[in-house]
Amino acid sequence: MTKHLLIVAHAPSPNTQRLRDAIVAGATHADIAGVRVDTRSPFDTGPDVVRTADGIILMTTENLAYMSGAMKDFFDRTYYPVLEEKQGLPCAIVIRAGHDGTGTKRALDTILTGLRWKQVTDPLICKGDWDDRFVAQAEEVGMTLAAGLEAGVF
């Protein structure tokens, strides 16, 4: 049975687009066959899409020590409609932080705890000046979640 991995990514810049594309590349690795990947902007993702997901990766920028407005809008529209039926959803977070990302992580942790979604990887916080190593790290997040879904581990 094919699993559905939803990637909700706010990627307003060339570097965040590289991170999003790396997550997708990892999730669609040639060795992973049983996972369908759906990548969307937070603005294009609502409760009906989340309901179909077997796992989710959330990628956001750090904006004023918080998640992006786009990601906040996503949660504003989806939190209560999926609260009861998506408990235990395996998830991962990727944060592109110009500073330290702690406020963004704390906000996401609070929301994910309320939703009772299960973070299956440590949060990836790509902080400070751009580093090309962020791309490989983001790819690993995508691969880990997709491979875990395919193997039935998550």
Protein backbone atom coordinates (compact mmCIF):
# COMPACT_ATOMS: atom_id res chain seq x y z
CA MET A 1 0.00 0.00 0.00
CA THR A 2 1.42 3.37 -1.03
CA LYS A 3 1.93 5.90 1.76
CA HIS A 4 1.35 9.63 1.34
CA LEU A 5 4.08 12.01 2.54
CA LEU A 6 2.99 15.64 2.62
CA ILE A 7 5.68 18.32 2.54
CA VAL A 8 4.41 21.76 3.55
CA ALA A 9 7.19 24.20 2.76
CA HIS A 10 7.40 27.97 2.92
CA ALA A 11 10.20 28.71 0.46
CA PRO A 12 10.30 32.43 -0.37
CA SER A 13 13.97 32.63 -1.41
CA PRO A 14 16.36 30.73 -3.66
CA ASN A 15 18.09 29.14 -0.63
CA THR A 16 14.84 28.01 0.99
CA GLN A 17 13.77 26.64 -2.38
CA ARG A 18 17.00 24.63 -2.38
CA LEU A 19 16.09 23.24 1.05
CA ARG A 20 12.58 22.34 -0.12
CA ASP A 21 13.94 20.67 -3.24
CA ALA A 22 16.46 18.72 -1.14
CA ILE A 23 13.69 17.44 1.14
CA VAL A 24 11.78 16.30 -1.95
CA ALA A 25 14.90 14.69 -3.43
CA GLY A 26 15.44 12.69 -0.26
CA ALA A 27 11.79 11.66 -0.03
CA THR A 28 11.75 10.54 -3.67
CA HIS A 29 15.09 8.70 -3.57
CA ALA A 30 15.27 5.84 -6.08
CA ASP A 31 15.42 3.26 -3.28
CA ILE A 32 12.04 4.40 -1.91
CA ALA A 33 9.17 3.10 -4.00
CA GLY A 34 6.13 2.93 -1.72
CA VAL A 35 5.68 6.61 -0.92
CA ARG A 36 3.83 9.27 -2.89
CA VAL A 37 5.19 12.75 -2.17
CA ASP A 38 2.99 15.85 -2.32
CA THR A 39 4.77 19.20 -1.92
CA ARG A 40 2.75 22.32 -1.25
CA SER A 41 2.97 25.88 -0.04
CA PRO A 42 1.34 26.43 3.36
CA PHE A 43 -1.18 28.67 1.57
CA ASP A 44 -2.18 25.78 -0.72
CA THR A 45 -2.61 23.21 2.04
CA GLY A 46 -5.77 22.71 4.04
CA PRO A 47 -7.39 20.14 6.30
CA ASP A 48 -8.53 17.86 3.47
CA VAL A 49 -4.95 17.45 2.24
CA VAL A 50 -3.61 16.86 5.76
CA ARG A 51 -6.28 14.19 6.35
CA THR A 52 -4.84 12.13 3.47
CA ALA A 53 -1.26 12.27 4.80
CA ASP A 54 0.49 9.35 6.47
CA GLY A 55 3.41 11.64 7.40
CA ILE A 56 4.24 15.33 7.12
CA ILE A 57 7.36 17.49 6.89
CA LEU A 58 6.99 21.15 7.81
CA MET A 59 9.56 23.62 6.53
CA THR A 60 9.48 27.27 7.55
CA THR A 61 11.66 30.29 7.77
CA GLU A 62 12.33 32.03 11.06
CA ASN A 63 10.49 35.34 11.02
CA LEU A 64 10.89 37.63 14.02
CA ALA A 65 11.82 34.62 16.21
CA TYR A 66 8.66 32.81 15.10
CA MET A 67 7.49 30.67 12.19
CA SER A 68 6.58 32.33 8.90
CA GLY A 69 3.18 33.95 8.57
CA ALA A 70 2.42 31.41 5.84
CA MET A 71 3.02 28.49 8.22
CA LYS A 72 1.00 30.21 10.96
CA ASP A 73 -1.84 30.64 8.46
CA PHE A 74 -1.64 26.92 7.63
CA PHE A 75 -2.03 25.99 11.30
CA ASP A 76 -4.82 28.56 11.80
CA ARG A 77 -6.83 26.84 9.06
CA THR A 78 -5.99 23.20 9.80
CA TYR A 79 -5.42 22.77 13.53
CA TYR A 80 -8.96 22.20 14.78
CA PRO A 81 -10.34 20.43 11.70
CA VAL A 82 -7.64 17.69 11.95
CA LEU A 83 -7.09 17.67 15.71
CA GLU A 84 -9.02 14.51 16.53
CA GLU A 85 -8.39 12.41 13.44
CA LYS A 86 -4.66 12.92 12.81
CA GLN A 87 -3.25 12.26 16.28
CA GLY A 88 0.02 10.37 16.11
CA LEU A 89 0.86 11.68 12.61
CA PRO A 90 4.62 11.20 12.06
CA CYS A 91 6.24 14.55 11.35
CA ALA A 92 9.53 16.37 10.98
CA ILE A 93 10.42 20.05 10.98
CA VAL A 94 13.02 22.02 9.05
CA ILE A 95 13.69 25.63 10.03
CA ARG A 96 15.79 28.10 8.06
CA ALA A 97 16.90 30.50 10.76
CA GLY A 98 18.98 33.59 10.26
CA HIS A 99 19.48 33.71 14.03
CA ASP A 100 19.15 30.70 16.33
CA GLY A 101 15.68 29.28 15.52
CA THR A 102 14.77 28.60 19.15
CA GLY A 103 11.59 30.70 19.12
CA THR A 104 10.43 29.07 15.90
CA LYS A 105 11.17 25.59 17.24
CA ARG A 106 9.39 26.34 20.52
CA ALA A 107 6.28 27.57 18.68
CA LEU A 108 6.21 24.51 16.42
CA ASP A 109 6.81 22.14 19.35
CA THR A 110 3.85 23.68 21.17
CA ILE A 111 1.53 23.31 18.18
CA LEU A 112 2.68 19.76 17.38
CA THR A 113 2.25 18.74 21.02
CA GLY A 114 -1.30 20.09 20.93
CA LEU A 115 -2.02 18.18 17.73
CA ARG A 116 -0.36 15.10 19.24
CA TRP A 117 1.77 14.68 16.13
CA LYS A 118 4.92 12.65 16.67
CA GLN A 119 8.26 14.21 15.69
CA VAL A 120 10.23 11.23 14.37
CA THR A 121 13.49 13.10 13.74
CA ASP A 122 15.26 15.82 15.63
CA PRO A 123 14.30 19.23 14.26
CA LEU A 124 16.70 20.45 11.59
CA ILE A 125 17.55 24.07 12.31
CA CYS A 126 19.67 25.57 9.54
CA LYS A 127 20.91 28.62 11.41
CA GLY A 128 23.17 31.53 10.69
CA ASP A 129 24.72 32.34 7.35
CA TRP A 130 23.87 30.02 4.47
CA ASP A 131 25.90 26.81 4.46
CA ASP A 132 25.72 24.39 1.54
CA ARG A 133 25.72 21.52 4.07
CA PHE A 134 22.12 22.48 4.87
CA VAL A 135 21.08 20.89 1.56
CA ALA A 136 22.38 17.42 2.44
CA GLN A 137 20.85 17.68 5.91
CA ALA A 138 17.45 18.59 4.48
CA GLU A 139 17.70 15.72 1.99
CA GLU A 140 18.34 13.35 4.89
CA VAL A 141 15.16 14.53 6.64
CA GLY A 142 13.10 13.77 3.54
CA MET A 143 14.72 10.39 3.06
CA THR A 144 14.35 9.41 6.71
CA LEU A 145 10.64 10.17 6.87
CA ALA A 146 9.85 8.57 3.51
CA ALA A 147 11.90 5.44 4.21
CA GLY A 148 10.31 5.11 7.66
CA LEU A 149 6.83 5.39 6.18
CA GLU A 150 7.63 2.85 3.48
CA ALA A 151 9.06 0.37 6.03
CA GLY A 152 6.12 0.84 8.40
CA VAL A 153 8.40 2.13 11.16
CA PHE A 154 6.34 5.32 11.53
